[in-house]
């Protein structure tokens, strides 16, 4: 899943459509970086030492398609892992937002 798809998914799921565009961009940048870091951590746990070295080389290309292709080739359920990480992140954000809203109502 690429960065743009992750961002669109987060906007929709968290109900951020009503925010000004500059705030959406600011929040999405932070959230997307967090999601991508979580995905990277998760996949690094699954790669062999040799694959980790190769992954570092692929990552240095800064080509999202090559990175995704590499990970899909090395990790059988890569897409499922990505979806799970995104789902977990969204649930955490929803919970945090609900807690913030409760705090504002008091």
N, C-alpha and C. Protein backbone atom coordinates (compact mmCIF):
# COMPACT_ATOMS: atom_id res chain seq x y z
N UNK A 1 0.86 -1.17 0.00
CA UNK A 1 0.00 0.00 0.00
C UNK A 1 0.90 1.23 0.00
N UNK A 2 0.58 2.16 -0.88
CA UNK A 2 1.43 3.34 -0.95
C UNK A 2 0.97 4.43 0.01
N UNK A 3 1.81 5.43 0.12
CA UNK A 3 1.59 6.51 1.10
C UNK A 3 0.26 7.23 0.87
N UNK A 4 -0.07 7.50 -0.38
CA UNK A 4 -1.32 8.22 -0.69
C UNK A 4 -2.54 7.41 -0.27
N UNK A 5 -2.53 6.11 -0.53
CA UNK A 5 -3.65 5.26 -0.13
C UNK A 5 -3.80 5.21 1.38
N UNK A 6 -2.68 5.15 2.08
CA UNK A 6 -2.72 5.14 3.55
C UNK A 6 -3.35 6.43 4.05
N UNK A 7 -2.95 7.55 3.46
CA UNK A 7 -3.47 8.84 3.89
C UNK A 7 -4.98 8.95 3.63
N UNK A 8 -5.42 8.55 2.45
CA UNK A 8 -6.85 8.61 2.14
C UNK A 8 -7.65 7.72 3.08
N UNK A 9 -7.11 6.57 3.37
CA UNK A 9 -7.75 5.63 4.28
C UNK A 9 -7.89 6.24 5.67
N UNK A 10 -6.84 6.88 6.16
CA UNK A 10 -6.87 7.49 7.49
C UNK A 10 -7.87 8.64 7.54
N UNK A 11 -7.89 9.50 6.53
CA UNK A 11 -8.84 10.63 6.50
C UNK A 11 -10.27 10.11 6.62
N UNK A 12 -10.58 9.12 5.82
CA UNK A 12 -11.94 8.58 5.80
C UNK A 12 -12.30 7.92 7.13
N UNK A 13 -11.45 7.04 7.61
CA UNK A 13 -11.75 6.28 8.82
C UNK A 13 -11.84 7.14 10.08
N UNK A 14 -11.03 8.19 10.15
CA UNK A 14 -11.01 9.01 11.35
C UNK A 14 -11.92 10.23 11.24
N UNK A 15 -12.61 10.35 10.12
CA UNK A 15 -13.55 11.46 9.96
C UNK A 15 -12.87 12.81 9.93
N UNK A 16 -11.75 12.90 9.26
CA UNK A 16 -11.00 14.15 9.22
C UNK A 16 -11.37 15.03 8.03
N UNK A 17 -12.37 14.61 7.26
CA UNK A 17 -12.74 15.35 6.06
C UNK A 17 -13.12 16.80 6.35
N UNK A 18 -13.65 17.08 7.54
CA UNK A 18 -14.12 18.41 7.89
C UNK A 18 -13.02 19.38 8.30
N UNK A 19 -11.82 18.89 8.51
CA UNK A 19 -10.72 19.76 8.92
C UNK A 19 -10.21 20.57 7.72
N UNK A 20 -9.67 21.76 8.00
CA UNK A 20 -9.04 22.52 6.91
C UNK A 20 -7.92 21.69 6.27
N UNK A 21 -7.71 21.90 4.99
CA UNK A 21 -6.75 21.08 4.26
C UNK A 21 -5.35 21.13 4.85
N UNK A 22 -4.92 22.31 5.32
CA UNK A 22 -3.57 22.40 5.88
C UNK A 22 -3.44 21.56 7.15
N UNK A 23 -4.50 21.50 7.96
CA UNK A 23 -4.48 20.66 9.17
C UNK A 23 -4.51 19.18 8.81
N UNK A 24 -5.31 18.84 7.78
CA UNK A 24 -5.34 17.45 7.31
C UNK A 24 -3.94 17.01 6.89
N UNK A 25 -3.27 17.86 6.12
CA UNK A 25 -1.93 17.53 5.63
C UNK A 25 -0.96 17.35 6.79
N UNK A 26 -1.04 18.26 7.75
CA UNK A 26 -0.15 18.19 8.92
C UNK A 26 -0.37 16.89 9.70
N UNK A 27 -1.64 16.59 9.99
CA UNK A 27 -1.96 15.37 10.73
C UNK A 27 -1.58 14.12 9.94
N UNK A 28 -1.91 14.14 8.66
CA UNK A 28 -1.63 12.97 7.83
C UNK A 28 -0.14 12.69 7.69
N UNK A 29 0.64 13.73 7.59
CA UNK A 29 2.08 13.55 7.49
C UNK A 29 2.60 12.82 8.72
N UNK A 30 2.19 13.29 9.87
CA UNK A 30 2.62 12.67 11.13
C UNK A 30 2.11 11.24 11.24
N UNK A 31 0.83 11.04 10.95
CA UNK A 31 0.24 9.71 11.07
C UNK A 31 0.84 8.73 10.06
N UNK A 32 1.05 9.19 8.83
CA UNK A 32 1.60 8.31 7.81
C UNK A 32 3.02 7.88 8.17
N UNK A 33 3.81 8.82 8.67
CA UNK A 33 5.17 8.47 9.10
C UNK A 33 5.11 7.41 10.21
N UNK A 34 4.19 7.57 11.13
CA UNK A 34 4.05 6.61 12.22
C UNK A 34 3.66 5.23 11.69
N UNK A 35 2.69 5.20 10.77
CA UNK A 35 2.25 3.92 10.20
C UNK A 35 3.39 3.26 9.43
N UNK A 36 4.10 4.03 8.63
CA UNK A 36 5.20 3.46 7.85
C UNK A 36 6.31 2.93 8.75
N UNK A 37 6.59 3.62 9.84
CA UNK A 37 7.59 3.13 10.80
C UNK A 37 7.13 1.81 11.42
N UNK A 38 5.85 1.74 11.77
CA UNK A 38 5.32 0.50 12.36
C UNK A 38 5.41 -0.66 11.38
N UNK A 39 5.08 -0.38 10.12
CA UNK A 39 5.15 -1.42 9.09
C UNK A 39 6.60 -1.89 8.93
N UNK A 40 7.52 -0.94 8.88
CA UNK A 40 8.94 -1.28 8.73
C UNK A 40 9.42 -2.14 9.89
N UNK A 41 9.06 -1.76 11.10
CA UNK A 41 9.45 -2.54 12.28
C UNK A 41 8.90 -3.96 12.18
N UNK A 42 7.64 -4.06 11.80
CA UNK A 42 7.00 -5.38 11.71
C UNK A 42 7.68 -6.26 10.66
N UNK A 43 7.94 -5.70 9.48
CA UNK A 43 8.54 -6.53 8.44
C UNK A 43 9.99 -6.88 8.75
N UNK A 44 10.70 -5.98 9.43
CA UNK A 44 12.08 -6.30 9.80
C UNK A 44 12.15 -7.48 10.75
N UNK A 45 11.12 -7.63 11.57
CA UNK A 45 11.05 -8.78 12.48
C UNK A 45 10.93 -10.09 11.71
N UNK A 46 10.39 -10.01 10.50
CA UNK A 46 10.11 -11.21 9.72
C UNK A 46 11.19 -11.56 8.71
N UNK A 47 12.08 -10.62 8.42
CA UNK A 47 13.12 -10.86 7.42
C UNK A 47 14.35 -11.53 8.05
N UNK A 48 15.00 -12.35 7.25
CA UNK A 48 16.27 -12.94 7.68
C UNK A 48 17.33 -11.84 7.69
N UNK A 49 18.47 -12.13 8.30
CA UNK A 49 19.56 -11.14 8.33
C UNK A 49 20.00 -10.77 6.92
N UNK A 50 20.08 -11.76 6.06
CA UNK A 50 20.48 -11.51 4.67
C UNK A 50 19.45 -10.63 3.97
N UNK A 51 18.17 -10.94 4.18
CA UNK A 51 17.10 -10.14 3.57
C UNK A 51 17.07 -8.72 4.12
N UNK A 52 17.42 -8.56 5.39
CA UNK A 52 17.47 -7.21 5.98
C UNK A 52 18.53 -6.35 5.28
N UNK A 53 19.67 -6.96 5.00
CA UNK A 53 20.74 -6.23 4.29
C UNK A 53 20.28 -5.84 2.89
N UNK A 54 19.63 -6.78 2.23
CA UNK A 54 19.12 -6.50 0.89
C UNK A 54 18.02 -5.43 0.95
N UNK A 55 17.18 -5.50 1.97
CA UNK A 55 16.12 -4.51 2.15
C UNK A 55 16.71 -3.11 2.32
N UNK A 56 17.78 -3.00 3.08
CA UNK A 56 18.43 -1.70 3.27
C UNK A 56 18.87 -1.12 1.93
N UNK A 57 19.40 -1.97 1.06
CA UNK A 57 19.83 -1.51 -0.26
C UNK A 57 18.64 -1.07 -1.11
N UNK A 58 17.57 -1.83 -1.06
CA UNK A 58 16.37 -1.48 -1.82
C UNK A 58 15.77 -0.19 -1.29
N UNK A 59 15.76 -0.05 0.02
CA UNK A 59 15.19 1.15 0.65
C UNK A 59 15.96 2.41 0.26
N UNK A 60 17.26 2.28 0.06
CA UNK A 60 18.09 3.42 -0.33
C UNK A 60 17.72 3.98 -1.70
N UNK A 61 17.01 3.20 -2.51
CA UNK A 61 16.58 3.68 -3.82
C UNK A 61 15.45 4.70 -3.69
N UNK A 62 14.79 4.72 -2.53
CA UNK A 62 13.63 5.60 -2.30
C UNK A 62 12.53 5.39 -3.34
N UNK A 63 12.44 4.18 -3.86
CA UNK A 63 11.41 3.84 -4.84
C UNK A 63 10.36 2.97 -4.15
N UNK A 64 9.20 3.57 -3.81
CA UNK A 64 8.16 2.82 -3.09
C UNK A 64 7.73 1.53 -3.79
N UNK A 65 7.70 1.56 -5.13
CA UNK A 65 7.28 0.36 -5.86
C UNK A 65 8.30 -0.77 -5.71
N UNK A 66 9.59 -0.43 -5.78
CA UNK A 66 10.63 -1.45 -5.60
C UNK A 66 10.61 -2.01 -4.18
N UNK A 67 10.42 -1.12 -3.22
CA UNK A 67 10.38 -1.55 -1.81
C UNK A 67 9.20 -2.49 -1.59
N UNK A 68 8.04 -2.10 -2.09
CA UNK A 68 6.84 -2.92 -1.93
C UNK A 68 7.01 -4.26 -2.64
N UNK A 69 7.55 -4.24 -3.84
CA UNK A 69 7.77 -5.47 -4.59
C UNK A 69 8.73 -6.40 -3.85
N UNK A 70 9.79 -5.84 -3.30
CA UNK A 70 10.75 -6.64 -2.54
C UNK A 70 10.06 -7.31 -1.35
N UNK A 71 9.31 -6.52 -0.59
CA UNK A 71 8.66 -7.05 0.62
C UNK A 71 7.60 -8.09 0.28
N UNK A 72 6.85 -7.86 -0.79
CA UNK A 72 5.84 -8.85 -1.20
C UNK A 72 6.50 -10.15 -1.62
N UNK A 73 7.68 -10.04 -2.21
CA UNK A 73 8.42 -11.22 -2.65
C UNK A 73 8.98 -12.00 -1.46
N UNK A 74 9.40 -11.29 -0.42
CA UNK A 74 10.05 -11.93 0.73
C UNK A 74 9.08 -12.35 1.83
N UNK A 75 7.94 -11.67 1.92
CA UNK A 75 6.98 -11.94 3.00
C UNK A 75 5.65 -12.32 2.36
N UNK A 76 5.25 -13.58 2.55
CA UNK A 76 4.06 -14.11 1.88
C UNK A 76 2.80 -13.29 2.12
N UNK A 77 2.57 -12.88 3.34
CA UNK A 77 1.33 -12.18 3.69
C UNK A 77 1.58 -10.68 3.94
N UNK A 78 2.47 -10.10 3.15
CA UNK A 78 2.85 -8.70 3.35
C UNK A 78 1.64 -7.76 3.34
N UNK A 79 0.77 -7.90 2.34
CA UNK A 79 -0.40 -7.00 2.25
C UNK A 79 -1.29 -7.12 3.48
N UNK A 80 -1.46 -8.34 3.97
CA UNK A 80 -2.26 -8.57 5.17
C UNK A 80 -1.61 -7.90 6.39
N UNK A 81 -0.31 -8.00 6.49
CA UNK A 81 0.41 -7.36 7.60
C UNK A 81 0.22 -5.86 7.55
N UNK A 82 0.35 -5.27 6.37
CA UNK A 82 0.16 -3.83 6.21
C UNK A 82 -1.24 -3.43 6.65
N UNK A 83 -2.23 -4.17 6.19
CA UNK A 83 -3.62 -3.87 6.56
C UNK A 83 -3.82 -3.98 8.07
N UNK A 84 -3.23 -4.99 8.68
CA UNK A 84 -3.35 -5.17 10.14
C UNK A 84 -2.72 -4.01 10.90
N UNK A 85 -1.55 -3.56 10.46
CA UNK A 85 -0.87 -2.44 11.12
C UNK A 85 -1.71 -1.17 10.99
N UNK A 86 -2.26 -0.94 9.80
CA UNK A 86 -3.09 0.24 9.58
C UNK A 86 -4.35 0.17 10.43
N UNK A 87 -4.98 -1.00 10.48
CA UNK A 87 -6.19 -1.17 11.28
C UNK A 87 -5.90 -0.91 12.75
N UNK A 88 -4.81 -1.46 13.25
CA UNK A 88 -4.43 -1.27 14.65
C UNK A 88 -4.18 0.22 14.94
N UNK A 89 -3.50 0.89 14.04
CA UNK A 89 -3.21 2.31 14.21
C UNK A 89 -4.51 3.13 14.24
N UNK A 90 -5.41 2.84 13.31
CA UNK A 90 -6.68 3.57 13.26
C UNK A 90 -7.48 3.36 14.53
N UNK A 91 -7.49 2.13 15.04
CA UNK A 91 -8.22 1.86 16.28
C UNK A 91 -7.63 2.66 17.44
N UNK A 92 -6.31 2.73 17.49
CA UNK A 92 -5.65 3.52 18.53
C UNK A 92 -6.03 5.00 18.40
N UNK A 93 -6.04 5.50 17.17
CA UNK A 93 -6.38 6.91 16.94
C UNK A 93 -7.85 7.19 17.29
N UNK A 94 -8.73 6.26 16.91
CA UNK A 94 -10.15 6.43 17.24
C UNK A 94 -10.34 6.48 18.75
N UNK A 95 -9.65 5.59 19.45
CA UNK A 95 -9.75 5.55 20.91
C UNK A 95 -9.22 6.85 21.52
N UNK A 96 -8.10 7.32 21.00
CA UNK A 96 -7.51 8.57 21.49
C UNK A 96 -8.45 9.73 21.23
N UNK A 97 -9.03 9.79 20.05
CA UNK A 97 -9.95 10.88 19.71
C UNK A 97 -11.19 10.83 20.58
N UNK A 98 -11.71 9.63 20.85
CA UNK A 98 -12.88 9.50 21.71
C UNK A 98 -12.56 9.97 23.12
N UNK A 99 -11.38 9.63 23.61
CA UNK A 99 -10.97 10.09 24.94
C UNK A 99 -10.85 11.60 24.99
N UNK A 100 -10.30 12.19 23.94
CA UNK A 100 -10.17 13.64 23.89
C UNK A 100 -11.54 14.32 23.86
N UNK A 101 -12.45 13.75 23.08
CA UNK A 101 -13.80 14.31 23.01
C UNK A 101 -14.50 14.23 24.36
N UNK A 102 -14.33 13.11 25.05
CA UNK A 102 -14.92 12.96 26.39
C UNK A 102 -14.36 14.00 27.34
N UNK A 103 -13.07 14.23 27.25
CA UNK A 103 -12.43 15.23 28.11
C UNK A 103 -12.93 16.63 27.83
N UNK A 104 -13.24 16.92 26.57
CA UNK A 104 -13.74 18.25 26.21
C UNK A 104 -15.18 18.45 26.67
N UNK A 105 -15.94 17.35 26.74
CA UNK A 105 -17.34 17.44 27.14
C UNK A 105 -17.50 17.65 28.63
N UNK A 106 -16.48 17.33 29.40
CA UNK A 106 -16.58 17.44 30.87
C UNK A 106 -16.32 18.84 31.33
